[in-house]
PDBML (XML) file of the C-alpha atoms, coordinates in Angstrom:
<?xml version="1.0" encoding="UTF-8" ?>
<PDBx:datablock datablockName="MODEL"
   xmlns:PDBx="http://pdbml.pdb.org/schema/pdbx-v50.xsd"
   xmlns:xsi="http://www.w3.org/2001/XMLSchema-instance"
   xsi:schemaLocation="http://pdbml.pdb.org/schema/pdbx-v50.xsd pdbx-v50.xsd">
   <PDBx:atom_siteCategory>
      <PDBx:atom_site id="1">
         <PDBx:B_iso_or_equiv>0.00</PDBx:B_iso_or_equiv>
         <PDBx:Cartn_x>17.801</PDBx:Cartn_x>
         <PDBx:Cartn_y>10.948</PDBx:Cartn_y>
         <PDBx:Cartn_z>-6.471</PDBx:Cartn_z>
         <PDBx:auth_asym_id>A</PDBx:auth_asym_id>
         <PDBx:auth_atom_id>CA</PDBx:auth_atom_id>
         <PDBx:auth_comp_id>GLY</PDBx:auth_comp_id>
         <PDBx:auth_seq_id>1</PDBx:auth_seq_id>
         <PDBx:group_PDB>ATOM</PDBx:group_PDB>
         <PDBx:label_alt_id xsi:nil="true" />
         <PDBx:label_asym_id>A</PDBx:label_asym_id>
         <PDBx:label_atom_id>CA</PDBx:label_atom_id>
         <PDBx:label_comp_id>GLY</PDBx:label_comp_id>
         <PDBx:label_entity_id>1</PDBx:label_entity_id>
         <PDBx:label_seq_id>1</PDBx:label_seq_id>
         <PDBx:occupancy>1.00</PDBx:occupancy>
         <PDBx:pdbx_PDB_model_num>1</PDBx:pdbx_PDB_model_num>
         <PDBx:type_symbol>C</PDBx:type_symbol>
      </PDBx:atom_site>
      <PDBx:atom_site id="2">
         <PDBx:B_iso_or_equiv>0.00</PDBx:B_iso_or_equiv>
         <PDBx:Cartn_x>17.624</PDBx:Cartn_x>
         <PDBx:Cartn_y>14.741</PDBx:Cartn_y>
         <PDBx:Cartn_z>-6.047</PDBx:Cartn_z>
         <PDBx:auth_asym_id>A</PDBx:auth_asym_id>
         <PDBx:auth_atom_id>CA</PDBx:auth_atom_id>
         <PDBx:auth_comp_id>ILE</PDBx:auth_comp_id>
         <PDBx:auth_seq_id>2</PDBx:auth_seq_id>
         <PDBx:group_PDB>ATOM</PDBx:group_PDB>
         <PDBx:label_alt_id xsi:nil="true" />
         <PDBx:label_asym_id>A</PDBx:label_asym_id>
         <PDBx:label_atom_id>CA</PDBx:label_atom_id>
         <PDBx:label_comp_id>ILE</PDBx:label_comp_id>
         <PDBx:label_entity_id>1</PDBx:label_entity_id>
         <PDBx:label_seq_id>2</PDBx:label_seq_id>
         <PDBx:occupancy>1.00</PDBx:occupancy>
         <PDBx:pdbx_PDB_model_num>1</PDBx:pdbx_PDB_model_num>
         <PDBx:type_symbol>C</PDBx:type_symbol>
      </PDBx:atom_site>
      <PDBx:atom_site id="3">
         <PDBx:B_iso_or_equiv>0.00</PDBx:B_iso_or_equiv>
         <PDBx:Cartn_x>14.464</PDBx:Cartn_x>
         <PDBx:Cartn_y>14.706</PDBx:Cartn_y>
         <PDBx:Cartn_z>-8.157</PDBx:Cartn_z>
         <PDBx:auth_asym_id>A</PDBx:auth_asym_id>
         <PDBx:auth_atom_id>CA</PDBx:auth_atom_id>
         <PDBx:auth_comp_id>GLY</PDBx:auth_comp_id>
         <PDBx:auth_seq_id>3</PDBx:auth_seq_id>
         <PDBx:group_PDB>ATOM</PDBx:group_PDB>
         <PDBx:label_alt_id xsi:nil="true" />
         <PDBx:label_asym_id>A</PDBx:label_asym_id>
         <PDBx:label_atom_id>CA</PDBx:label_atom_id>
         <PDBx:label_comp_id>GLY</PDBx:label_comp_id>
         <PDBx:label_entity_id>1</PDBx:label_entity_id>
         <PDBx:label_seq_id>3</PDBx:label_seq_id>
         <PDBx:occupancy>1.00</PDBx:occupancy>
         <PDBx:pdbx_PDB_model_num>1</PDBx:pdbx_PDB_model_num>
         <PDBx:type_symbol>C</PDBx:type_symbol>
      </PDBx:atom_site>
      <PDBx:atom_site id="4">
         <PDBx:B_iso_or_equiv>0.00</PDBx:B_iso_or_equiv>
         <PDBx:Cartn_x>13.112</PDBx:Cartn_x>
         <PDBx:Cartn_y>11.503</PDBx:Cartn_y>
         <PDBx:Cartn_z>-6.611</PDBx:Cartn_z>
         <PDBx:auth_asym_id>A</PDBx:auth_asym_id>
         <PDBx:auth_atom_id>CA</PDBx:auth_atom_id>
         <PDBx:auth_comp_id>LEU</PDBx:auth_comp_id>
         <PDBx:auth_seq_id>4</PDBx:auth_seq_id>
         <PDBx:group_PDB>ATOM</PDBx:group_PDB>
         <PDBx:label_alt_id xsi:nil="true" />
         <PDBx:label_asym_id>A</PDBx:label_asym_id>
         <PDBx:label_atom_id>CA</PDBx:label_atom_id>
         <PDBx:label_comp_id>LEU</PDBx:label_comp_id>
         <PDBx:label_entity_id>1</PDBx:label_entity_id>
         <PDBx:label_seq_id>4</PDBx:label_seq_id>
         <PDBx:occupancy>1.00</PDBx:occupancy>
         <PDBx:pdbx_PDB_model_num>1</PDBx:pdbx_PDB_model_num>
         <PDBx:type_symbol>C</PDBx:type_symbol>
      </PDBx:atom_site>
      <PDBx:atom_site id="5">
         <PDBx:B_iso_or_equiv>0.00</PDBx:B_iso_or_equiv>
         <PDBx:Cartn_x>12.908</PDBx:Cartn_x>
         <PDBx:Cartn_y>12.548</PDBx:Cartn_y>
         <PDBx:Cartn_z>-2.942</PDBx:Cartn_z>
         <PDBx:auth_asym_id>A</PDBx:auth_asym_id>
         <PDBx:auth_atom_id>CA</PDBx:auth_atom_id>
         <PDBx:auth_comp_id>VAL</PDBx:auth_comp_id>
         <PDBx:auth_seq_id>5</PDBx:auth_seq_id>
         <PDBx:group_PDB>ATOM</PDBx:group_PDB>
         <PDBx:label_alt_id xsi:nil="true" />
         <PDBx:label_asym_id>A</PDBx:label_asym_id>
         <PDBx:label_atom_id>CA</PDBx:label_atom_id>
         <PDBx:label_comp_id>VAL</PDBx:label_comp_id>
         <PDBx:label_entity_id>1</PDBx:label_entity_id>
         <PDBx:label_seq_id>5</PDBx:label_seq_id>
         <PDBx:occupancy>1.00</PDBx:occupancy>
         <PDBx:pdbx_PDB_model_num>1</PDBx:pdbx_PDB_model_num>
         <PDBx:type_symbol>C</PDBx:type_symbol>
      </PDBx:atom_site>
      <PDBx:atom_site id="6">
         <PDBx:B_iso_or_equiv>0.00</PDBx:B_iso_or_equiv>
         <PDBx:Cartn_x>10.840</PDBx:Cartn_x>
         <PDBx:Cartn_y>15.748</PDBx:Cartn_y>
         <PDBx:Cartn_z>-3.368</PDBx:Cartn_z>
         <PDBx:auth_asym_id>A</PDBx:auth_asym_id>
         <PDBx:auth_atom_id>CA</PDBx:auth_atom_id>
         <PDBx:auth_comp_id>PRO</PDBx:auth_comp_id>
         <PDBx:auth_seq_id>6</PDBx:auth_seq_id>
         <PDBx:group_PDB>ATOM</PDBx:group_PDB>
         <PDBx:label_alt_id xsi:nil="true" />
         <PDBx:label_asym_id>A</PDBx:label_asym_id>
         <PDBx:label_atom_id>CA</PDBx:label_atom_id>
         <PDBx:label_comp_id>PRO</PDBx:label_comp_id>
         <PDBx:label_entity_id>1</PDBx:label_entity_id>
         <PDBx:label_seq_id>6</PDBx:label_seq_id>
         <PDBx:occupancy>1.00</PDBx:occupancy>
         <PDBx:pdbx_PDB_model_num>1</PDBx:pdbx_PDB_model_num>
         <PDBx:type_symbol>C</PDBx:type_symbol>
      </PDBx:atom_site>
      <PDBx:atom_site id="7">
         <PDBx:B_iso_or_equiv>0.00</PDBx:B_iso_or_equiv>
         <PDBx:Cartn_x>8.805</PDBx:Cartn_x>
         <PDBx:Cartn_y>13.920</PDBx:Cartn_y>
         <PDBx:Cartn_z>-6.017</PDBx:Cartn_z>
         <PDBx:auth_asym_id>A</PDBx:auth_asym_id>
         <PDBx:auth_atom_id>CA</PDBx:auth_atom_id>
         <PDBx:auth_comp_id>GLY</PDBx:auth_comp_id>
         <PDBx:auth_seq_id>7</PDBx:auth_seq_id>
         <PDBx:group_PDB>ATOM</PDBx:group_PDB>
         <PDBx:label_alt_id xsi:nil="true" />
         <PDBx:label_asym_id>A</PDBx:label_asym_id>
         <PDBx:label_atom_id>CA</PDBx:label_atom_id>
         <PDBx:label_comp_id>GLY</PDBx:label_comp_id>
         <PDBx:label_entity_id>1</PDBx:label_entity_id>
         <PDBx:label_seq_id>7</PDBx:label_seq_id>
         <PDBx:occupancy>1.00</PDBx:occupancy>
         <PDBx:pdbx_PDB_model_num>1</PDBx:pdbx_PDB_model_num>
         <PDBx:type_symbol>C</PDBx:type_symbol>
      </PDBx:atom_site>
      <PDBx:atom_site id="8">
         <PDBx:B_iso_or_equiv>0.00</PDBx:B_iso_or_equiv>
         <PDBx:Cartn_x>7.832</PDBx:Cartn_x>
         <PDBx:Cartn_y>11.198</PDBx:Cartn_y>
         <PDBx:Cartn_z>-3.530</PDBx:Cartn_z>
         <PDBx:auth_asym_id>A</PDBx:auth_asym_id>
         <PDBx:auth_atom_id>CA</PDBx:auth_atom_id>
         <PDBx:auth_comp_id>VAL</PDBx:auth_comp_id>
         <PDBx:auth_seq_id>8</PDBx:auth_seq_id>
         <PDBx:group_PDB>ATOM</PDBx:group_PDB>
         <PDBx:label_alt_id xsi:nil="true" />
         <PDBx:label_asym_id>A</PDBx:label_asym_id>
         <PDBx:label_atom_id>CA</PDBx:label_atom_id>
         <PDBx:label_comp_id>VAL</PDBx:label_comp_id>
         <PDBx:label_entity_id>1</PDBx:label_entity_id>
         <PDBx:label_seq_id>8</PDBx:label_seq_id>
         <PDBx:occupancy>1.00</PDBx:occupancy>
         <PDBx:pdbx_PDB_model_num>1</PDBx:pdbx_PDB_model_num>
         <PDBx:type_symbol>C</PDBx:type_symbol>
      </PDBx:atom_site>
      <PDBx:atom_site id="9">
         <PDBx:B_iso_or_equiv>0.00</PDBx:B_iso_or_equiv>
         <PDBx:Cartn_x>6.894</PDBx:Cartn_x>
         <PDBx:Cartn_y>13.817</PDBx:Cartn_y>
         <PDBx:Cartn_z>-0.943</PDBx:Cartn_z>
         <PDBx:auth_asym_id>A</PDBx:auth_asym_id>
         <PDBx:auth_atom_id>CA</PDBx:auth_atom_id>
         <PDBx:auth_comp_id>PHE</PDBx:auth_comp_id>
         <PDBx:auth_seq_id>9</PDBx:auth_seq_id>
         <PDBx:group_PDB>ATOM</PDBx:group_PDB>
         <PDBx:label_alt_id xsi:nil="true" />
         <PDBx:label_asym_id>A</PDBx:label_asym_id>
         <PDBx:label_atom_id>CA</PDBx:label_atom_id>
         <PDBx:label_comp_id>PHE</PDBx:label_comp_id>
         <PDBx:label_entity_id>1</PDBx:label_entity_id>
         <PDBx:label_seq_id>9</PDBx:label_seq_id>
         <PDBx:occupancy>1.00</PDBx:occupancy>
         <PDBx:pdbx_PDB_model_num>1</PDBx:pdbx_PDB_model_num>
         <PDBx:type_symbol>C</PDBx:type_symbol>
      </PDBx:atom_site>
      <PDBx:atom_site id="10">
         <PDBx:B_iso_or_equiv>0.00</PDBx:B_iso_or_equiv>
         <PDBx:Cartn_x>4.785</PDBx:Cartn_x>
         <PDBx:Cartn_y>15.720</PDBx:Cartn_y>
         <PDBx:Cartn_z>-3.502</PDBx:Cartn_z>
         <PDBx:auth_asym_id>A</PDBx:auth_asym_id>
         <PDBx:auth_atom_id>CA</PDBx:auth_atom_id>
         <PDBx:auth_comp_id>ALA</PDBx:auth_comp_id>
         <PDBx:auth_seq_id>10</PDBx:auth_seq_id>
         <PDBx:group_PDB>ATOM</PDBx:group_PDB>
         <PDBx:label_alt_id xsi:nil="true" />
         <PDBx:label_asym_id>A</PDBx:label_asym_id>
         <PDBx:label_atom_id>CA</PDBx:label_atom_id>
         <PDBx:label_comp_id>ALA</PDBx:label_comp_id>
         <PDBx:label_entity_id>1</PDBx:label_entity_id>
         <PDBx:label_seq_id>10</PDBx:label_seq_id>
         <PDBx:occupancy>1.00</PDBx:occupancy>
         <PDBx:pdbx_PDB_model_num>1</PDBx:pdbx_PDB_model_num>
         <PDBx:type_symbol>C</PDBx:type_symbol>
      </PDBx:atom_site>
      <PDBx:atom_site id="11">
         <PDBx:B_iso_or_equiv>0.00</PDBx:B_iso_or_equiv>
         <PDBx:Cartn_x>3.098</PDBx:Cartn_x>
         <PDBx:Cartn_y>12.546</PDBx:Cartn_y>
         <PDBx:Cartn_z>-4.726</PDBx:Cartn_z>
         <PDBx:auth_asym_id>A</PDBx:auth_asym_id>
         <PDBx:auth_atom_id>CA</PDBx:auth_atom_id>
         <PDBx:auth_comp_id>GLY</PDBx:auth_comp_id>
         <PDBx:auth_seq_id>11</PDBx:auth_seq_id>
         <PDBx:group_PDB>ATOM</PDBx:group_PDB>
         <PDBx:label_alt_id xsi:nil="true" />
         <PDBx:label_asym_id>A</PDBx:label_asym_id>
         <PDBx:label_atom_id>CA</PDBx:label_atom_id>
         <PDBx:label_comp_id>GLY</PDBx:label_comp_id>
         <PDBx:label_entity_id>1</PDBx:label_entity_id>
         <PDBx:label_seq_id>11</PDBx:label_seq_id>
         <PDBx:occupancy>1.00</PDBx:occupancy>
         <PDBx:pdbx_PDB_model_num>1</PDBx:pdbx_PDB_model_num>
         <PDBx:type_symbol>C</PDBx:type_symbol>
      </PDBx:atom_site>
      <PDBx:atom_site id="12">
         <PDBx:B_iso_or_equiv>0.00</PDBx:B_iso_or_equiv>
         <PDBx:Cartn_x>2.180</PDBx:Cartn_x>
         <PDBx:Cartn_y>11.483</PDBx:Cartn_y>
         <PDBx:Cartn_z>-1.217</PDBx:Cartn_z>
         <PDBx:auth_asym_id>A</PDBx:auth_asym_id>
         <PDBx:auth_atom_id>CA</PDBx:auth_atom_id>
         <PDBx:auth_comp_id>SER</PDBx:auth_comp_id>
         <PDBx:auth_seq_id>12</PDBx:auth_seq_id>
         <PDBx:group_PDB>ATOM</PDBx:group_PDB>
         <PDBx:label_alt_id xsi:nil="true" />
         <PDBx:label_asym_id>A</PDBx:label_asym_id>
         <PDBx:label_atom_id>CA</PDBx:label_atom_id>
         <PDBx:label_comp_id>SER</PDBx:label_comp_id>
         <PDBx:label_entity_id>1</PDBx:label_entity_id>
         <PDBx:label_seq_id>12</PDBx:label_seq_id>
         <PDBx:occupancy>1.00</PDBx:occupancy>
         <PDBx:pdbx_PDB_model_num>1</PDBx:pdbx_PDB_model_num>
         <PDBx:type_symbol>C</PDBx:type_symbol>
      </PDBx:atom_site>
      <PDBx:atom_site id="13">
         <PDBx:B_iso_or_equiv>0.00</PDBx:B_iso_or_equiv>
         <PDBx:Cartn_x>0.959</PDBx:Cartn_x>
         <PDBx:Cartn_y>14.995</PDBx:Cartn_y>
         <PDBx:Cartn_z>-0.368</PDBx:Cartn_z>
         <PDBx:auth_asym_id>A</PDBx:auth_asym_id>
         <PDBx:auth_atom_id>CA</PDBx:auth_atom_id>
         <PDBx:auth_comp_id>LEU</PDBx:auth_comp_id>
         <PDBx:auth_seq_id>13</PDBx:auth_seq_id>
         <PDBx:group_PDB>ATOM</PDBx:group_PDB>
         <PDBx:label_alt_id xsi:nil="true" />
         <PDBx:label_asym_id>A</PDBx:label_asym_id>
         <PDBx:label_atom_id>CA</PDBx:label_atom_id>
         <PDBx:label_comp_id>LEU</PDBx:label_comp_id>
         <PDBx:label_entity_id>1</PDBx:label_entity_id>
         <PDBx:label_seq_id>13</PDBx:label_seq_id>
         <PDBx:occupancy>1.00</PDBx:occupancy>
         <PDBx:pdbx_PDB_model_num>1</PDBx:pdbx_PDB_model_num>
         <PDBx:type_symbol>C</PDBx:type_symbol>
      </PDBx:atom_site>
      <PDBx:atom_site id="14">
         <PDBx:B_iso_or_equiv>0.00</PDBx:B_iso_or_equiv>
         <PDBx:Cartn_x>-1.197</PDBx:Cartn_x>
         <PDBx:Cartn_y>15.082</PDBx:Cartn_y>
         <PDBx:Cartn_z>-3.501</PDBx:Cartn_z>
         <PDBx:auth_asym_id>A</PDBx:auth_asym_id>
         <PDBx:auth_atom_id>CA</PDBx:auth_atom_id>
         <PDBx:auth_comp_id>ALA</PDBx:auth_comp_id>
         <PDBx:auth_seq_id>14</PDBx:auth_seq_id>
         <PDBx:group_PDB>ATOM</PDBx:group_PDB>
         <PDBx:label_alt_id xsi:nil="true" />
         <PDBx:label_asym_id>A</PDBx:label_asym_id>
         <PDBx:label_atom_id>CA</PDBx:label_atom_id>
         <PDBx:label_comp_id>ALA</PDBx:label_comp_id>
         <PDBx:label_entity_id>1</PDBx:label_entity_id>
         <PDBx:label_seq_id>14</PDBx:label_seq_id>
         <PDBx:occupancy>1.00</PDBx:occupancy>
         <PDBx:pdbx_PDB_model_num>1</PDBx:pdbx_PDB_model_num>
         <PDBx:type_symbol>C</PDBx:type_symbol>
      </PDBx:atom_site>
      <PDBx:atom_site id="15">
         <PDBx:B_iso_or_equiv>0.00</PDBx:B_iso_or_equiv>
         <PDBx:Cartn_x>-2.774</PDBx:Cartn_x>
         <PDBx:Cartn_y>11.723</PDBx:Cartn_y>
         <PDBx:Cartn_z>-2.612</PDBx:Cartn_z>
         <PDBx:auth_asym_id>A</PDBx:auth_asym_id>
         <PDBx:auth_atom_id>CA</PDBx:auth_atom_id>
         <PDBx:auth_comp_id>ALA</PDBx:auth_comp_id>
         <PDBx:auth_seq_id>15</PDBx:auth_seq_id>
         <PDBx:group_PDB>ATOM</PDBx:group_PDB>
         <PDBx:label_alt_id xsi:nil="true" />
         <PDBx:label_asym_id>A</PDBx:label_asym_id>
         <PDBx:label_atom_id>CA</PDBx:label_atom_id>
         <PDBx:label_comp_id>ALA</PDBx:label_comp_id>
         <PDBx:label_entity_id>1</PDBx:label_entity_id>
         <PDBx:label_seq_id>15</PDBx:label_seq_id>
         <PDBx:occupancy>1.00</PDBx:occupancy>
         <PDBx:pdbx_PDB_model_num>1</PDBx:pdbx_PDB_model_num>
         <PDBx:type_symbol>C</PDBx:type_symbol>
      </PDBx:atom_site>
      <PDBx:atom_site id="16">
         <PDBx:B_iso_or_equiv>0.00</PDBx:B_iso_or_equiv>
         <PDBx:Cartn_x>-3.353</PDBx:Cartn_x>
         <PDBx:Cartn_y>12.849</PDBx:Cartn_y>
         <PDBx:Cartn_z>0.967</PDBx:Cartn_z>
         <PDBx:auth_asym_id>A</PDBx:auth_asym_id>
         <PDBx:auth_atom_id>CA</PDBx:auth_atom_id>
         <PDBx:auth_comp_id>THR</PDBx:auth_comp_id>
         <PDBx:auth_seq_id>16</PDBx:auth_seq_id>
         <PDBx:group_PDB>ATOM</PDBx:group_PDB>
         <PDBx:label_alt_id xsi:nil="true" />
         <PDBx:label_asym_id>A</PDBx:label_asym_id>
         <PDBx:label_atom_id>CA</PDBx:label_atom_id>
         <PDBx:label_comp_id>THR</PDBx:label_comp_id>
         <PDBx:label_entity_id>1</PDBx:label_entity_id>
         <PDBx:label_seq_id>16</PDBx:label_seq_id>
         <PDBx:occupancy>1.00</PDBx:occupancy>
         <PDBx:pdbx_PDB_model_num>1</PDBx:pdbx_PDB_model_num>
         <PDBx:type_symbol>C</PDBx:type_symbol>
      </PDBx:atom_site>
      <PDBx:atom_site id="17">
         <PDBx:B_iso_or_equiv>0.00</PDBx:B_iso_or_equiv>
         <PDBx:Cartn_x>-5.046</PDBx:Cartn_x>
         <PDBx:Cartn_y>16.107</PDBx:Cartn_y>
         <PDBx:Cartn_z>-0.031</PDBx:Cartn_z>
         <PDBx:auth_asym_id>A</PDBx:auth_asym_id>
         <PDBx:auth_atom_id>CA</PDBx:auth_atom_id>
         <PDBx:auth_comp_id>LEU</PDBx:auth_comp_id>
         <PDBx:auth_seq_id>17</PDBx:auth_seq_id>
         <PDBx:group_PDB>ATOM</PDBx:group_PDB>
         <PDBx:label_alt_id xsi:nil="true" />
         <PDBx:label_asym_id>A</PDBx:label_asym_id>
         <PDBx:label_atom_id>CA</PDBx:label_atom_id>
         <PDBx:label_comp_id>LEU</PDBx:label_comp_id>
         <PDBx:label_entity_id>1</PDBx:label_entity_id>
         <PDBx:label_seq_id>17</PDBx:label_seq_id>
         <PDBx:occupancy>1.00</PDBx:occupancy>
         <PDBx:pdbx_PDB_model_num>1</PDBx:pdbx_PDB_model_num>
         <PDBx:type_symbol>C</PDBx:type_symbol>
      </PDBx:atom_site>
      <PDBx:atom_site id="18">
         <PDBx:B_iso_or_equiv>0.00</PDBx:B_iso_or_equiv>
         <PDBx:Cartn_x>-7.030</PDBx:Cartn_x>
         <PDBx:Cartn_y>14.558</PDBx:Cartn_y>
         <PDBx:Cartn_z>-2.872</PDBx:Cartn_z>
         <PDBx:auth_asym_id>A</PDBx:auth_asym_id>
         <PDBx:auth_atom_id>CA</PDBx:auth_atom_id>
         <PDBx:auth_comp_id>LEU</PDBx:auth_comp_id>
         <PDBx:auth_seq_id>18</PDBx:auth_seq_id>
         <PDBx:group_PDB>ATOM</PDBx:group_PDB>
         <PDBx:label_alt_id xsi:nil="true" />
         <PDBx:label_asym_id>A</PDBx:label_asym_id>
         <PDBx:label_atom_id>CA</PDBx:label_atom_id>
         <PDBx:label_comp_id>LEU</PDBx:label_comp_id>
         <PDBx:label_entity_id>1</PDBx:label_entity_id>
         <PDBx:label_seq_id>18</PDBx:label_seq_id>
         <PDBx:occupancy>1.00</PDBx:occupancy>
         <PDBx:pdbx_PDB_model_num>1</PDBx:pdbx_PDB_model_num>
         <PDBx:type_symbol>C</PDBx:type_symbol>
      </PDBx:atom_site>
      <PDBx:atom_site id="19">
         <PDBx:B_iso_or_equiv>0.00</PDBx:B_iso_or_equiv>
         <PDBx:Cartn_x>-8.489</PDBx:Cartn_x>
         <PDBx:Cartn_y>11.888</PDBx:Cartn_y>
         <PDBx:Cartn_z>-0.587</PDBx:Cartn_z>
         <PDBx:auth_asym_id>A</PDBx:auth_asym_id>
         <PDBx:auth_atom_id>CA</PDBx:auth_atom_id>
         <PDBx:auth_comp_id>HIS</PDBx:auth_comp_id>
         <PDBx:auth_seq_id>19</PDBx:auth_seq_id>
         <PDBx:group_PDB>ATOM</PDBx:group_PDB>
         <PDBx:label_alt_id xsi:nil="true" />
         <PDBx:label_asym_id>A</PDBx:label_asym_id>
         <PDBx:label_atom_id>CA</PDBx:label_atom_id>
         <PDBx:label_comp_id>HIS</PDBx:label_comp_id>
         <PDBx:label_entity_id>1</PDBx:label_entity_id>
         <PDBx:label_seq_id>19</PDBx:label_seq_id>
         <PDBx:occupancy>1.00</PDBx:occupancy>
         <PDBx:pdbx_PDB_model_num>1</PDBx:pdbx_PDB_model_num>
         <PDBx:type_symbol>C</PDBx:type_symbol>
      </PDBx:atom_site>
      <PDBx:atom_site id="20">
         <PDBx:B_iso_or_equiv>0.00</PDBx:B_iso_or_equiv>
         <PDBx:Cartn_x>-8.782</PDBx:Cartn_x>
         <PDBx:Cartn_y>14.234</PDBx:Cartn_y>
         <PDBx:Cartn_z>2.419</PDBx:Cartn_z>
         <PDBx:auth_asym_id>A</PDBx:auth_asym_id>
         <PDBx:auth_atom_id>CA</PDBx:auth_atom_id>
         <PDBx:auth_comp_id>ARG</PDBx:auth_comp_id>
         <PDBx:auth_seq_id>20</PDBx:auth_seq_id>
         <PDBx:group_PDB>ATOM</PDBx:group_PDB>
         <PDBx:label_alt_id xsi:nil="true" />
         <PDBx:label_asym_id>A</PDBx:label_asym_id>
         <PDBx:label_atom_id>CA</PDBx:label_atom_id>
         <PDBx:label_comp_id>ARG</PDBx:label_comp_id>
         <PDBx:label_entity_id>1</PDBx:label_entity_id>
         <PDBx:label_seq_id>20</PDBx:label_seq_id>
         <PDBx:occupancy>1.00</PDBx:occupancy>
         <PDBx:pdbx_PDB_model_num>1</PDBx:pdbx_PDB_model_num>
         <PDBx:type_symbol>C</PDBx:type_symbol>
      </PDBx:atom_site>
      <PDBx:atom_site id="21">
         <PDBx:B_iso_or_equiv>0.00</PDBx:B_iso_or_equiv>
         <PDBx:Cartn_x>-6.462</PDBx:Cartn_x>
         <PDBx:Cartn_y>12.233</PDBx:Cartn_y>
         <PDBx:Cartn_z>4.647</PDBx:Cartn_z>
         <PDBx:auth_asym_id>A</PDBx:auth_asym_id>
         <PDBx:auth_atom_id>CA</PDBx:auth_atom_id>
         <PDBx:auth_comp_id>GLU</PDBx:auth_comp_id>
         <PDBx:auth_seq_id>21</PDBx:auth_seq_id>
         <PDBx:group_PDB>ATOM</PDBx:group_PDB>
         <PDBx:label_alt_id xsi:nil="true" />
         <PDBx:label_asym_id>A</PDBx:label_asym_id>
         <PDBx:label_atom_id>CA</PDBx:label_atom_id>
         <PDBx:label_comp_id>GLU</PDBx:label_comp_id>
         <PDBx:label_entity_id>1</PDBx:label_entity_id>
         <PDBx:label_seq_id>21</PDBx:label_seq_id>
         <PDBx:occupancy>1.00</PDBx:occupancy>
         <PDBx:pdbx_PDB_model_num>1</PDBx:pdbx_PDB_model_num>
         <PDBx:type_symbol>C</PDBx:type_symbol>
      </PDBx:atom_site>
      <PDBx:atom_site id="22">
         <PDBx:B_iso_or_equiv>0.00</PDBx:B_iso_or_equiv>
         <PDBx:Cartn_x>-4.144</PDBx:Cartn_x>
         <PDBx:Cartn_y>15.012</PDBx:Cartn_y>
         <PDBx:Cartn_z>5.833</PDBx:Cartn_z>
         <PDBx:auth_asym_id>A</PDBx:auth_asym_id>
         <PDBx:auth_atom_id>CA</PDBx:auth_atom_id>
         <PDBx:auth_comp_id>PHE</PDBx:auth_comp_id>
         <PDBx:auth_seq_id>22</PDBx:auth_seq_id>
         <PDBx:group_PDB>ATOM</PDBx:group_PDB>
         <PDBx:label_alt_id xsi:nil="true" />
         <PDBx:label_asym_id>A</PDBx:label_asym_id>
         <PDBx:label_atom_id>CA</PDBx:label_atom_id>
         <PDBx:label_comp_id>PHE</PDBx:label_comp_id>
         <PDBx:label_entity_id>1</PDBx:label_entity_id>
         <PDBx:label_seq_id>22</PDBx:label_seq_id>
         <PDBx:occupancy>1.00</PDBx:occupancy>
         <PDBx:pdbx_PDB_model_num>1</PDBx:pdbx_PDB_model_num>
         <PDBx:type_symbol>C</PDBx:type_symbol>
      </PDBx:atom_site>
      <PDBx:atom_site id="23">
         <PDBx:B_iso_or_equiv>0.00</PDBx:B_iso_or_equiv>
         <PDBx:Cartn_x>-3.933</PDBx:Cartn_x>
         <PDBx:Cartn_y>15.077</PDBx:Cartn_y>
         <PDBx:Cartn_z>9.626</PDBx:Cartn_z>
         <PDBx:auth_asym_id>A</PDBx:auth_asym_id>
         <PDBx:auth_atom_id>CA</PDBx:auth_atom_id>
         <PDBx:auth_comp_id>ARG</PDBx:auth_comp_id>
         <PDBx:auth_seq_id>23</PDBx:auth_seq_id>
         <PDBx:group_PDB>ATOM</PDBx:group_PDB>
         <PDBx:label_alt_id xsi:nil="true" />
         <PDBx:label_asym_id>A</PDBx:label_asym_id>
         <PDBx:label_atom_id>CA</PDBx:label_atom_id>
         <PDBx:label_comp_id>ARG</PDBx:label_comp_id>
         <PDBx:label_entity_id>1</PDBx:label_entity_id>
         <PDBx:label_seq_id>23</PDBx:label_seq_id>
         <PDBx:occupancy>1.00</PDBx:occupancy>
         <PDBx:pdbx_PDB_model_num>1</PDBx:pdbx_PDB_model_num>
         <PDBx:type_symbol>C</PDBx:type_symbol>
      </PDBx:atom_site>
      <PDBx:atom_site id="24">
         <PDBx:B_iso_or_equiv>0.00</PDBx:B_iso_or_equiv>
         <PDBx:Cartn_x>-1.320</PDBx:Cartn_x>
         <PDBx:Cartn_y>16.703</PDBx:Cartn_y>
         <PDBx:Cartn_z>11.862</PDBx:Cartn_z>
         <PDBx:auth_asym_id>A</PDBx:auth_asym_id>
         <PDBx:auth_atom_id>CA</PDBx:auth_atom_id>
         <PDBx:auth_comp_id>LEU</PDBx:auth_comp_id>
         <PDBx:auth_seq_id>24</PDBx:auth_seq_id>
         <PDBx:group_PDB>ATOM</PDBx:group_PDB>
         <PDBx:label_alt_id xsi:nil="true" />
         <PDBx:label_asym_id>A</PDBx:label_asym_id>
         <PDBx:label_atom_id>CA</PDBx:label_atom_id>
         <PDBx:label_comp_id>LEU</PDBx:label_comp_id>
         <PDBx:label_entity_id>1</PDBx:label_entity_id>
         <PDBx:label_seq_id>24</PDBx:label_seq_id>
         <PDBx:occupancy>1.00</PDBx:occupancy>
         <PDBx:pdbx_PDB_model_num>1</PDBx:pdbx_PDB_model_num>
         <PDBx:type_symbol>C</PDBx:type_symbol>
      </PDBx:atom_site>
      <PDBx:atom_site id="25">
         <PDBx:B_iso_or_equiv>0.00</PDBx:B_iso_or_equiv>
         <PDBx:Cartn_x>0.273</PDBx:Cartn_x>
         <PDBx:Cartn_y>14.242</PDBx:Cartn_y>
         <PDBx:Cartn_z>14.284</PDBx:Cartn_z>
         <PDBx:auth_asym_id>A</PDBx:auth_asym_id>
         <PDBx:auth_atom_id>CA</PDBx:auth_atom_id>
         <PDBx:auth_comp_id>GLN</PDBx:auth_comp_id>
         <PDBx:auth_seq_id>25</PDBx:auth_seq_id>
         <PDBx:group_PDB>ATOM</PDBx:group_PDB>
         <PDBx:label_alt_id xsi:nil="true" />
         <PDBx:label_asym_id>A</PDBx:label_asym_id>
         <PDBx:label_atom_id>CA</PDBx:label_atom_id>
         <PDBx:label_comp_id>GLN</PDBx:label_comp_id>
         <PDBx:label_entity_id>1</PDBx:label_entity_id>
         <PDBx:label_seq_id>25</PDBx:label_seq_id>
         <PDBx:occupancy>1.00</PDBx:occupancy>
         <PDBx:pdbx_PDB_model_num>1</PDBx:pdbx_PDB_model_num>
         <PDBx:type_symbol>C</PDBx:type_symbol>
      </PDBx:atom_site>
   </PDBx:atom_siteCategory>
</PDBx:datablock>
């Protein structure tokens, strides 16, 4: 679990940046 949580965050961040979907809300 300690590896899972930051991994999920990093995976989502990578997808967001790769597809240019990052937006501060």
